[in-house]
Amino acid sequence: MDKERLLNYVAPCSLVCYTCMGCKEGAVAECAKKLYAYNEGVCEFRGLHMSEEEKKKWEAFFREFHETLSNMSTAYCPGCRKFFENDYGHGFGCLGDCMIPACVKEHGIDFCAECNAFPCNKARNMFARHDDSIGEAWEKGSRRLHEVGLEAYFAEKKDVSHYLHYKEKTK
């Protein structure tokens, strides 16, 4: 995969946009599109082979499931780099006051970890206003990205939930 595409999938903070449910070209949207397509006609098929009571329950469930898949497949966020470059503000999964895209652009780098000031207090303070687990994920991810490089980092993270640090926080 070329560097430009990888830069769209990995945010300057090291979070992987590719696995965010808001990412237009991400894994969640692509999987939802496929699952939606694979399930075309299932409701009708099941309806032919069920009692009326079972059919009503199934149809209600399946309509909601199909609608959810449709919504997930129409994600709109092109990634925080593109949002920032086009002055759209922040993307779907971004923090409203995130200064990282502007900061890396100002420093002429792609990621926080490439900066001589990393990990800086400016970013740490921003994350602290929201959730320490995001700050921890930023620091850990940035260090790993710097250690192994963009391609290897993406390969490691492309199948890991964008939101995993929240789950780990609640344990």
N, C-alpha and C. Protein backbone atom coordinates (compact mmCIF):
# COMPACT_ATOMS: atom_id res chain seq x y z
N MET A 1 0.85 -1.17 0.00
CA MET A 1 0.00 0.00 0.00
C MET A 1 0.90 1.24 0.00
N ASP A 2 0.52 2.25 -0.76
CA ASP A 2 1.37 3.44 -0.86
C ASP A 2 1.25 4.32 0.39
N LYS A 3 2.25 5.16 0.59
CA LYS A 3 2.33 5.97 1.81
C LYS A 3 1.14 6.91 1.94
N GLU A 4 0.69 7.51 0.85
CA GLU A 4 -0.43 8.45 0.93
C GLU A 4 -1.69 7.77 1.48
N ARG A 5 -1.95 6.58 1.01
CA ARG A 5 -3.13 5.84 1.50
C ARG A 5 -2.95 5.49 2.98
N LEU A 6 -1.75 5.05 3.35
CA LEU A 6 -1.49 4.72 4.75
C LEU A 6 -1.64 5.95 5.64
N LEU A 7 -1.21 7.11 5.14
CA LEU A 7 -1.37 8.34 5.93
C LEU A 7 -2.84 8.69 6.14
N ASN A 8 -3.70 8.30 5.21
CA ASN A 8 -5.14 8.52 5.40
C ASN A 8 -5.72 7.54 6.42
N TYR A 9 -5.08 6.39 6.57
CA TYR A 9 -5.57 5.37 7.49
C TYR A 9 -5.01 5.51 8.90
N VAL A 10 -3.86 6.17 9.05
CA VAL A 10 -3.25 6.33 10.36
C VAL A 10 -3.15 7.83 10.65
N ALA A 11 -3.82 8.25 11.71
CA ALA A 11 -3.86 9.67 12.07
C ALA A 11 -2.51 10.14 12.60
N PRO A 12 -2.27 11.44 12.58
CA PRO A 12 -1.01 11.98 13.09
C PRO A 12 -0.73 11.61 14.55
N CYS A 13 -1.78 11.30 15.29
CA CYS A 13 -1.64 10.93 16.71
C CYS A 13 -1.35 9.45 16.89
N SER A 14 -1.36 8.69 15.81
CA SER A 14 -1.12 7.24 15.75
C SER A 14 -2.38 6.41 15.88
N LEU A 15 -3.53 7.01 16.17
CA LEU A 15 -4.75 6.22 16.17
C LEU A 15 -5.05 5.81 14.73
N VAL A 16 -5.62 4.64 14.56
CA VAL A 16 -5.83 4.09 13.22
C VAL A 16 -7.25 4.40 12.76
N CYS A 17 -7.36 5.38 11.89
CA CYS A 17 -8.66 5.80 11.36
C CYS A 17 -9.34 4.65 10.61
N TYR A 18 -8.55 3.80 10.00
CA TYR A 18 -9.06 2.69 9.19
C TYR A 18 -10.06 1.83 9.95
N THR A 19 -9.88 1.70 11.26
CA THR A 19 -10.78 0.85 12.04
C THR A 19 -11.85 1.64 12.79
N CYS A 20 -11.94 2.92 12.52
CA CYS A 20 -12.98 3.76 13.12
C CYS A 20 -14.28 3.58 12.35
N MET A 21 -15.39 3.51 13.05
CA MET A 21 -16.67 3.30 12.37
C MET A 21 -17.11 4.51 11.54
N GLY A 22 -16.46 5.64 11.70
CA GLY A 22 -16.80 6.81 10.92
C GLY A 22 -15.97 6.97 9.66
N CYS A 23 -14.96 6.12 9.48
CA CYS A 23 -14.04 6.26 8.34
C CYS A 23 -14.69 5.80 7.03
N LYS A 24 -14.78 6.72 6.12
CA LYS A 24 -15.43 6.49 4.83
C LYS A 24 -14.85 5.30 4.08
N GLU A 25 -13.55 5.16 4.08
CA GLU A 25 -12.90 4.06 3.36
C GLU A 25 -12.34 3.02 4.33
N GLY A 26 -12.91 2.95 5.51
CA GLY A 26 -12.40 2.06 6.54
C GLY A 26 -12.98 0.67 6.53
N ALA A 27 -12.42 -0.14 7.39
CA ALA A 27 -12.81 -1.55 7.49
C ALA A 27 -14.27 -1.72 7.90
N VAL A 28 -14.75 -0.92 8.84
CA VAL A 28 -16.12 -1.08 9.33
C VAL A 28 -17.12 -0.79 8.21
N ALA A 29 -16.92 0.32 7.50
CA ALA A 29 -17.83 0.66 6.40
C ALA A 29 -17.79 -0.40 5.30
N GLU A 30 -16.60 -0.87 4.98
CA GLU A 30 -16.48 -1.89 3.93
C GLU A 30 -17.12 -3.21 4.34
N CYS A 31 -16.91 -3.62 5.59
CA CYS A 31 -17.53 -4.86 6.08
C CYS A 31 -19.05 -4.72 6.12
N ALA A 32 -19.54 -3.57 6.56
CA ALA A 32 -20.98 -3.34 6.62
C ALA A 32 -21.60 -3.41 5.23
N LYS A 33 -20.92 -2.83 4.24
CA LYS A 33 -21.41 -2.90 2.85
C LYS A 33 -21.52 -4.35 2.38
N LYS A 34 -20.49 -5.13 2.66
CA LYS A 34 -20.48 -6.54 2.24
C LYS A 34 -21.57 -7.32 2.96
N LEU A 35 -21.66 -7.13 4.28
CA LEU A 35 -22.66 -7.86 5.04
C LEU A 35 -24.07 -7.48 4.61
N TYR A 36 -24.28 -6.20 4.32
CA TYR A 36 -25.57 -5.74 3.82
C TYR A 36 -25.91 -6.46 2.51
N ALA A 37 -24.96 -6.50 1.60
CA ALA A 37 -25.18 -7.15 0.31
C ALA A 37 -25.41 -8.66 0.46
N TYR A 38 -24.63 -9.30 1.32
CA TYR A 38 -24.77 -10.75 1.52
C TYR A 38 -26.13 -11.12 2.10
N ASN A 39 -26.75 -10.20 2.79
CA ASN A 39 -28.02 -10.50 3.45
C ASN A 39 -29.24 -10.07 2.66
N GLU A 40 -29.06 -9.58 1.46
CA GLU A 40 -30.20 -9.24 0.62
C GLU A 40 -31.04 -10.49 0.37
N GLY A 41 -32.31 -10.42 0.67
CA GLY A 41 -33.23 -11.53 0.45
C GLY A 41 -33.36 -12.49 1.62
N VAL A 42 -32.52 -12.37 2.63
CA VAL A 42 -32.58 -13.29 3.77
C VAL A 42 -33.92 -13.18 4.49
N CYS A 43 -34.38 -11.96 4.69
CA CYS A 43 -35.65 -11.77 5.40
C CYS A 43 -36.79 -12.46 4.66
N GLU A 44 -36.81 -12.31 3.36
CA GLU A 44 -37.86 -12.93 2.55
C GLU A 44 -37.76 -14.46 2.59
N PHE A 45 -36.53 -14.95 2.50
CA PHE A 45 -36.30 -16.39 2.57
C PHE A 45 -36.79 -16.95 3.90
N ARG A 46 -36.35 -16.30 5.00
CA ARG A 46 -36.75 -16.77 6.33
C ARG A 46 -38.27 -16.67 6.50
N GLY A 47 -38.85 -15.63 5.94
CA GLY A 47 -40.29 -15.44 6.05
C GLY A 47 -41.10 -16.57 5.44
N LEU A 48 -40.56 -17.19 4.41
CA LEU A 48 -41.25 -18.31 3.76
C LEU A 48 -41.23 -19.58 4.58
N HIS A 49 -40.31 -19.64 5.54
CA HIS A 49 -40.11 -20.88 6.29
C HIS A 49 -40.39 -20.75 7.79
N MET A 50 -41.20 -19.76 8.16
CA MET A 50 -41.50 -19.53 9.57
C MET A 50 -42.99 -19.38 9.78
N SER A 51 -43.38 -19.56 11.03
CA SER A 51 -44.76 -19.28 11.39
C SER A 51 -44.95 -17.77 11.33
N GLU A 52 -46.17 -17.30 11.33
CA GLU A 52 -46.45 -15.87 11.28
C GLU A 52 -45.86 -15.14 12.49
N GLU A 53 -45.93 -15.76 13.67
CA GLU A 53 -45.38 -15.14 14.88
C GLU A 53 -43.85 -15.00 14.77
N GLU A 54 -43.19 -16.08 14.36
CA GLU A 54 -41.73 -16.03 14.18
C GLU A 54 -41.36 -15.03 13.10
N LYS A 55 -42.13 -15.00 12.05
CA LYS A 55 -41.86 -14.10 10.93
C LYS A 55 -41.90 -12.63 11.37
N LYS A 56 -42.87 -12.26 12.18
CA LYS A 56 -42.97 -10.87 12.66
C LYS A 56 -41.75 -10.49 13.50
N LYS A 57 -41.33 -11.38 14.41
CA LYS A 57 -40.16 -11.11 15.24
C LYS A 57 -38.91 -10.98 14.36
N TRP A 58 -38.75 -11.93 13.45
CA TRP A 58 -37.57 -11.92 12.58
C TRP A 58 -37.54 -10.68 11.72
N GLU A 59 -38.65 -10.32 11.11
CA GLU A 59 -38.69 -9.15 10.24
C GLU A 59 -38.35 -7.87 10.99
N ALA A 60 -38.85 -7.72 12.21
CA ALA A 60 -38.55 -6.52 13.01
C ALA A 60 -37.05 -6.47 13.32
N PHE A 61 -36.51 -7.61 13.76
CA PHE A 61 -35.08 -7.66 14.05
C PHE A 61 -34.27 -7.37 12.79
N PHE A 62 -34.62 -8.03 11.70
CA PHE A 62 -33.81 -7.91 10.49
C PHE A 62 -33.89 -6.52 9.87
N ARG A 63 -35.06 -5.89 9.92
CA ARG A 63 -35.18 -4.52 9.41
C ARG A 63 -34.22 -3.60 10.16
N GLU A 64 -34.20 -3.73 11.50
CA GLU A 64 -33.30 -2.90 12.31
C GLU A 64 -31.84 -3.23 12.01
N PHE A 65 -31.53 -4.50 11.89
CA PHE A 65 -30.16 -4.93 11.58
C PHE A 65 -29.73 -4.39 10.21
N HIS A 66 -30.57 -4.52 9.23
CA HIS A 66 -30.26 -4.06 7.87
C HIS A 66 -30.10 -2.53 7.84
N GLU A 67 -30.93 -1.83 8.58
CA GLU A 67 -30.81 -0.38 8.66
C GLU A 67 -29.50 0.03 9.33
N THR A 68 -29.13 -0.68 10.38
CA THR A 68 -27.86 -0.41 11.06
C THR A 68 -26.69 -0.64 10.10
N LEU A 69 -26.71 -1.73 9.37
CA LEU A 69 -25.65 -2.00 8.40
C LEU A 69 -25.60 -0.90 7.33
N SER A 70 -26.76 -0.48 6.88
CA SER A 70 -26.81 0.59 5.88
C SER A 70 -26.18 1.86 6.42
N ASN A 71 -26.52 2.22 7.66
CA ASN A 71 -25.94 3.41 8.28
C ASN A 71 -24.42 3.28 8.44
N MET A 72 -23.96 2.12 8.86
CA MET A 72 -22.52 1.91 9.05
C MET A 72 -21.77 1.91 7.73
N SER A 73 -22.43 1.56 6.66
CA SER A 73 -21.76 1.50 5.36
C SER A 73 -21.65 2.87 4.69
N THR A 74 -22.35 3.84 5.24
CA THR A 74 -22.32 5.18 4.63
C THR A 74 -21.54 6.17 5.48
N ALA A 75 -20.46 5.70 6.08
CA ALA A 75 -19.60 6.59 6.88
C ALA A 75 -19.10 7.72 5.98
N TYR A 76 -18.83 8.86 6.56
CA TYR A 76 -18.47 10.02 5.75
C TYR A 76 -17.08 10.58 6.00
N CYS A 77 -16.43 10.19 7.06
CA CYS A 77 -15.16 10.82 7.43
C CYS A 77 -14.02 10.33 6.55
N PRO A 78 -13.31 11.23 5.89
CA PRO A 78 -12.18 10.82 5.05
C PRO A 78 -10.88 10.68 5.85
N GLY A 79 -10.94 10.87 7.16
CA GLY A 79 -9.75 10.83 8.00
C GLY A 79 -9.38 12.23 8.44
N CYS A 80 -8.76 12.34 9.59
CA CYS A 80 -8.54 13.68 10.16
C CYS A 80 -7.56 14.51 9.34
N ARG A 81 -6.63 13.87 8.64
CA ARG A 81 -5.71 14.66 7.80
C ARG A 81 -6.47 15.39 6.70
N LYS A 82 -7.37 14.67 6.04
CA LYS A 82 -8.15 15.29 4.96
C LYS A 82 -9.13 16.32 5.50
N PHE A 83 -9.73 16.03 6.65
CA PHE A 83 -10.64 17.00 7.26
C PHE A 83 -9.89 18.29 7.54
N PHE A 84 -8.73 18.16 8.14
CA PHE A 84 -7.95 19.34 8.50
C PHE A 84 -7.45 20.08 7.26
N GLU A 85 -6.93 19.35 6.28
CA GLU A 85 -6.41 19.97 5.06
C GLU A 85 -7.47 20.76 4.31
N ASN A 86 -8.70 20.29 4.38
CA ASN A 86 -9.80 20.94 3.66
C ASN A 86 -10.61 21.89 4.53
N ASP A 87 -10.09 22.21 5.71
CA ASP A 87 -10.75 23.13 6.64
C ASP A 87 -12.18 22.71 7.00
N TYR A 88 -12.41 21.40 7.13
CA TYR A 88 -13.72 20.92 7.54
C TYR A 88 -13.86 20.87 9.06
N GLY A 89 -12.80 21.15 9.76
CA GLY A 89 -12.83 21.00 11.21
C GLY A 89 -12.29 19.64 11.57
N HIS A 90 -13.00 18.93 12.43
CA HIS A 90 -12.54 17.63 12.89
C HIS A 90 -13.45 16.54 12.37
N GLY A 91 -12.90 15.35 12.24
CA GLY A 91 -13.65 14.22 11.73
C GLY A 91 -14.55 13.59 12.76
N PHE A 92 -15.21 12.55 12.34
CA PHE A 92 -16.21 11.84 13.13
C PHE A 92 -15.68 11.38 14.48
N GLY A 93 -14.51 10.77 14.48
CA GLY A 93 -13.98 10.21 15.71
C GLY A 93 -12.99 11.09 16.43
N CYS A 94 -12.81 12.29 15.93
CA CYS A 94 -11.79 13.18 16.49
C CYS A 94 -12.29 13.95 17.70
N LEU A 95 -11.35 14.37 18.53
CA LEU A 95 -11.68 15.25 19.64
C LEU A 95 -11.90 16.66 19.09
N GLY A 96 -12.90 17.33 19.57
CA GLY A 96 -13.26 18.65 19.05
C GLY A 96 -12.17 19.69 19.14
N ASP A 97 -11.29 19.57 20.11
CA ASP A 97 -10.22 20.56 20.25
C ASP A 97 -8.84 19.99 19.90
N CYS A 98 -8.82 18.93 19.12
CA CYS A 98 -7.55 18.29 18.78
C CYS A 98 -6.68 19.24 17.95
N MET A 99 -5.47 19.44 18.45
CA MET A 99 -4.53 20.35 17.79
C MET A 99 -3.44 19.59 17.04
N ILE A 100 -3.49 18.27 17.07
CA ILE A 100 -2.40 17.48 16.51
C ILE A 100 -2.26 17.62 14.99
N PRO A 101 -3.33 17.54 14.19
CA PRO A 101 -3.12 17.71 12.75
C PRO A 101 -2.45 19.04 12.40
N ALA A 102 -2.87 20.11 13.05
CA ALA A 102 -2.25 21.43 12.80
C ALA A 102 -0.81 21.43 13.26
N CYS A 103 -0.53 20.81 14.37
CA CYS A 103 0.81 20.81 14.94
C CYS A 103 1.79 20.05 14.05
N VAL A 104 1.40 18.84 13.59
CA VAL A 104 2.33 18.09 12.74
C VAL A 104 2.54 18.79 11.40
N LYS A 105 1.48 19.41 10.91
CA LYS A 105 1.63 20.16 9.65
C LYS A 105 2.59 21.34 9.85
N GLU A 106 2.43 22.04 10.95
CA GLU A 106 3.30 23.18 11.27
C GLU A 106 4.77 22.74 11.41
N HIS A 107 4.98 21.55 11.95
CA HIS A 107 6.34 21.04 12.14
C HIS A 107 6.88 20.30 10.90
N GLY A 108 6.04 20.13 9.87
CA GLY A 108 6.49 19.46 8.65
C GLY A 108 6.76 17.97 8.83
N ILE A 109 5.98 17.34 9.68
CA ILE A 109 6.14 15.92 9.94
C ILE A 109 4.80 15.22 9.73
N ASP A 110 4.81 13.89 9.75
CA ASP A 110 3.58 13.13 9.56
C ASP A 110 2.94 12.67 10.87
N PHE A 111 3.78 12.47 11.91
CA PHE A 111 3.29 11.92 13.18
C PHE A 111 3.95 12.60 14.35
N CYS A 112 3.25 12.63 15.47
CA CYS A 112 3.80 13.20 16.70
C CYS A 112 5.16 12.61 17.05
N ALA A 113 5.29 11.30 16.88
CA ALA A 113 6.52 10.61 17.28
C ALA A 113 7.75 11.08 16.51
N GLU A 114 7.56 11.76 15.39
CA GLU A 114 8.69 12.27 14.61
C GLU A 114 9.19 13.61 15.15
N CYS A 115 8.49 14.16 16.10
CA CYS A 115 8.83 15.48 16.64
C CYS A 115 9.86 15.35 17.76
N ASN A 116 10.79 16.27 17.79
CA ASN A 116 11.80 16.29 18.85
C ASN A 116 11.19 16.54 20.23
N ALA A 117 10.01 17.17 20.26
CA ALA A 117 9.37 17.49 21.54
C ALA A 117 8.44 16.37 22.04
N PHE A 118 8.30 15.31 21.27
CA PHE A 118 7.41 14.20 21.68
C PHE A 118 7.95 13.49 22.90
N PRO A 119 7.09 13.19 23.85
CA PRO A 119 5.68 13.53 24.00
C PRO A 119 5.54 14.90 24.66
N CYS A 120 4.88 15.79 23.99
CA CYS A 120 4.81 17.17 24.48
C CYS A 120 3.65 17.38 25.46
N ASN A 121 3.81 18.37 26.31
CA ASN A 121 2.77 18.68 27.29
C ASN A 121 1.52 19.26 26.65
N LYS A 122 1.68 19.92 25.51
CA LYS A 122 0.53 20.49 24.82
C LYS A 122 -0.47 19.37 24.46
N ALA A 123 0.03 18.30 23.88
CA ALA A 123 -0.83 17.17 23.52
C ALA A 123 -1.30 16.44 24.77
N ARG A 124 -0.41 16.21 25.72
CA ARG A 124 -0.80 15.53 26.96
C ARG A 124 -1.93 16.27 27.66
N ASN A 125 -1.83 17.59 27.72
CA ASN A 125 -2.88 18.39 28.37
C ASN A 125 -4.20 18.29 27.62
N MET A 126 -4.13 18.30 26.30
CA MET A 126 -5.35 18.17 25.50
C MET A 126 -6.02 16.83 25.79
N PHE A 127 -5.25 15.76 25.77
CA PHE A 127 -5.83 14.44 26.05
C PHE A 127 -6.35 14.35 27.47
N ALA A 128 -5.67 14.95 28.41
CA ALA A 128 -6.09 14.91 29.81
C ALA A 128 -7.45 15.57 30.02
N ARG A 129 -7.77 16.56 29.18
CA ARG A 129 -9.09 17.22 29.28
C ARG A 129 -10.22 16.27 28.87
N HIS A 130 -9.87 15.23 28.14
CA HIS A 130 -10.90 14.31 27.62
C HIS A 130 -10.90 12.98 28.35
N ASP A 131 -9.78 12.29 28.28
CA ASP A 131 -9.74 10.93 28.79
C ASP A 131 -8.29 10.46 28.78
N ASP A 132 -7.81 10.09 29.92
CA ASP A 132 -6.41 9.65 30.00
C ASP A 132 -6.12 8.44 29.13
N SER A 133 -7.13 7.58 28.89
CA SER A 133 -6.86 6.39 28.07
C SER A 133 -6.51 6.77 26.64
N ILE A 134 -7.07 7.86 26.14
CA ILE A 134 -6.72 8.31 24.79
C ILE A 134 -5.28 8.80 24.78
N GLY A 135 -4.89 9.53 25.80
CA GLY A 135 -3.52 10.00 25.90
C GLY A 135 -2.53 8.85 26.00
N GLU A 136 -2.90 7.83 26.77
CA GLU A 136 -2.05 6.65 26.88
C GLU A 136 -1.94 5.94 25.53
N ALA A 137 -3.06 5.80 24.83
CA ALA A 137 -3.06 5.16 23.50
C ALA A 137 -2.21 5.98 22.53
N TRP A 138 -2.31 7.31 22.60
CA TRP A 138 -1.51 8.20 21.75
C TRP A 138 -0.02 7.97 22.00
N GLU A 139 0.36 7.98 23.24
CA GLU A 139 1.78 7.85 23.56
C GLU A 139 2.31 6.46 23.20
N LYS A 140 1.59 5.44 23.58
CA LYS A 140 2.01 4.06 23.28
C LYS A 140 2.04 3.82 21.78
N GLY A 141 0.97 4.23 21.09
CA GLY A 141 0.90 4.04 19.64
C GLY A 141 1.98 4.82 18.91
N SER A 142 2.21 6.05 19.33
CA SER A 142 3.23 6.87 18.69
C SER A 142 4.62 6.26 18.85
N ARG A 143 4.90 5.76 20.03
CA ARG A 143 6.20 5.12 20.26
C ARG A 143 6.35 3.87 19.38
N ARG A 144 5.29 3.09 19.30
CA ARG A 144 5.35 1.87 18.48
C ARG A 144 5.48 2.23 17.00
N LEU A 145 4.75 3.20 16.54
CA LEU A 145 4.83 3.66 15.15
C LEU A 145 6.25 4.10 14.82
N HIS A 146 6.85 4.85 15.71
CA HIS A 146 8.23 5.32 15.51
C HIS A 146 9.21 4.14 15.48
N GLU A 147 8.94 3.15 16.31
CA GLU A 147 9.83 1.98 16.43
C GLU A 147 9.80 1.09 15.18
N VAL A 148 8.60 0.81 14.65
CA VAL A 148 8.49 -0.18 13.56
C VAL A 148 8.24 0.43 12.19
N GLY A 149 7.83 1.69 12.13
CA GLY A 149 7.53 2.32 10.85
C GLY A 149 6.07 2.21 10.48
N LEU A 150 5.65 3.03 9.54
CA LEU A 150 4.24 3.15 9.17
C LEU A 150 3.64 1.86 8.64
N GLU A 151 4.30 1.21 7.69
CA GLU A 151 3.72 0.00 7.10
C GLU A 151 3.53 -1.11 8.13
N ALA A 152 4.56 -1.36 8.93
CA ALA A 152 4.46 -2.42 9.93
C ALA A 152 3.43 -2.06 11.01
N TYR A 153 3.37 -0.80 11.39
CA TYR A 153 2.40 -0.36 12.39
C TYR A 153 0.98 -0.58 11.88
N PHE A 154 0.72 -0.18 10.64
CA PHE A 154 -0.61 -0.39 10.07
C PHE A 154 -0.94 -1.88 10.00
N ALA A 155 0.02 -2.69 9.61
CA ALA A 155 -0.20 -4.14 9.54
C ALA A 155 -0.58 -4.69 10.92
N GLU A 156 0.05 -4.18 11.97
CA GLU A 156 -0.26 -4.62 13.32
C GLU A 156 -1.65 -4.17 13.78
N LYS A 157 -2.09 -3.00 13.34
CA LYS A 157 -3.31 -2.37 13.88
C LYS A 157 -4.55 -2.48 12.99
N LYS A 158 -4.40 -2.90 11.75
CA LYS A 158 -5.51 -2.83 10.80
C LYS A 158 -6.69 -3.74 11.16
N ASP A 159 -6.47 -4.70 12.03
CA ASP A 159 -7.54 -5.59 12.45
C ASP A 159 -7.87 -5.46 13.93
N VAL A 160 -7.45 -4.34 14.53
CA VAL A 160 -7.68 -4.08 15.96
C VAL A 160 -8.68 -2.94 16.08
N SER A 161 -9.65 -3.09 16.95
CA SER A 161 -10.67 -2.05 17.13
C SER A 161 -10.06 -0.69 17.46
N HIS A 162 -10.57 0.32 16.81
CA HIS A 162 -10.18 1.72 17.05
C HIS A 162 -10.49 2.12 18.50
N TYR A 163 -11.42 1.45 19.11
CA TYR A 163 -11.94 1.82 20.43
C TYR A 163 -11.48 0.89 21.55
N LEU A 164 -10.53 0.01 21.26
CA LEU A 164 -10.11 -1.00 22.22
C LEU A 164 -9.62 -0.41 23.53
N HIS A 165 -8.96 0.74 23.46
CA HIS A 165 -8.44 1.32 24.71
C HIS A 165 -9.58 1.68 25.68
N TYR A 166 -10.78 1.91 25.17
CA TYR A 166 -11.92 2.17 26.07
C TYR A 166 -12.32 0.89 26.81
N LYS A 167 -12.33 -0.21 26.08
CA LYS A 167 -12.68 -1.48 26.70
C LYS A 167 -11.66 -1.86 27.76
N GLU A 168 -10.39 -1.67 27.42
CA GLU A 168 -9.33 -2.00 28.36
C GLU A 168 -9.41 -1.11 29.60
N LYS A 169 -9.86 0.12 29.42
CA LYS A 169 -9.98 1.07 30.53
C LYS A 169 -11.02 0.61 31.55
N THR A 170 -12.07 -0.04 31.10
CA THR A 170 -13.18 -0.42 31.98
C THR A 170 -12.95 -1.74 32.70
N LYS A 171 -11.84 -2.41 32.42
CA LYS A 171 -11.56 -3.70 33.08
C LYS A 171 -11.10 -3.49 34.49
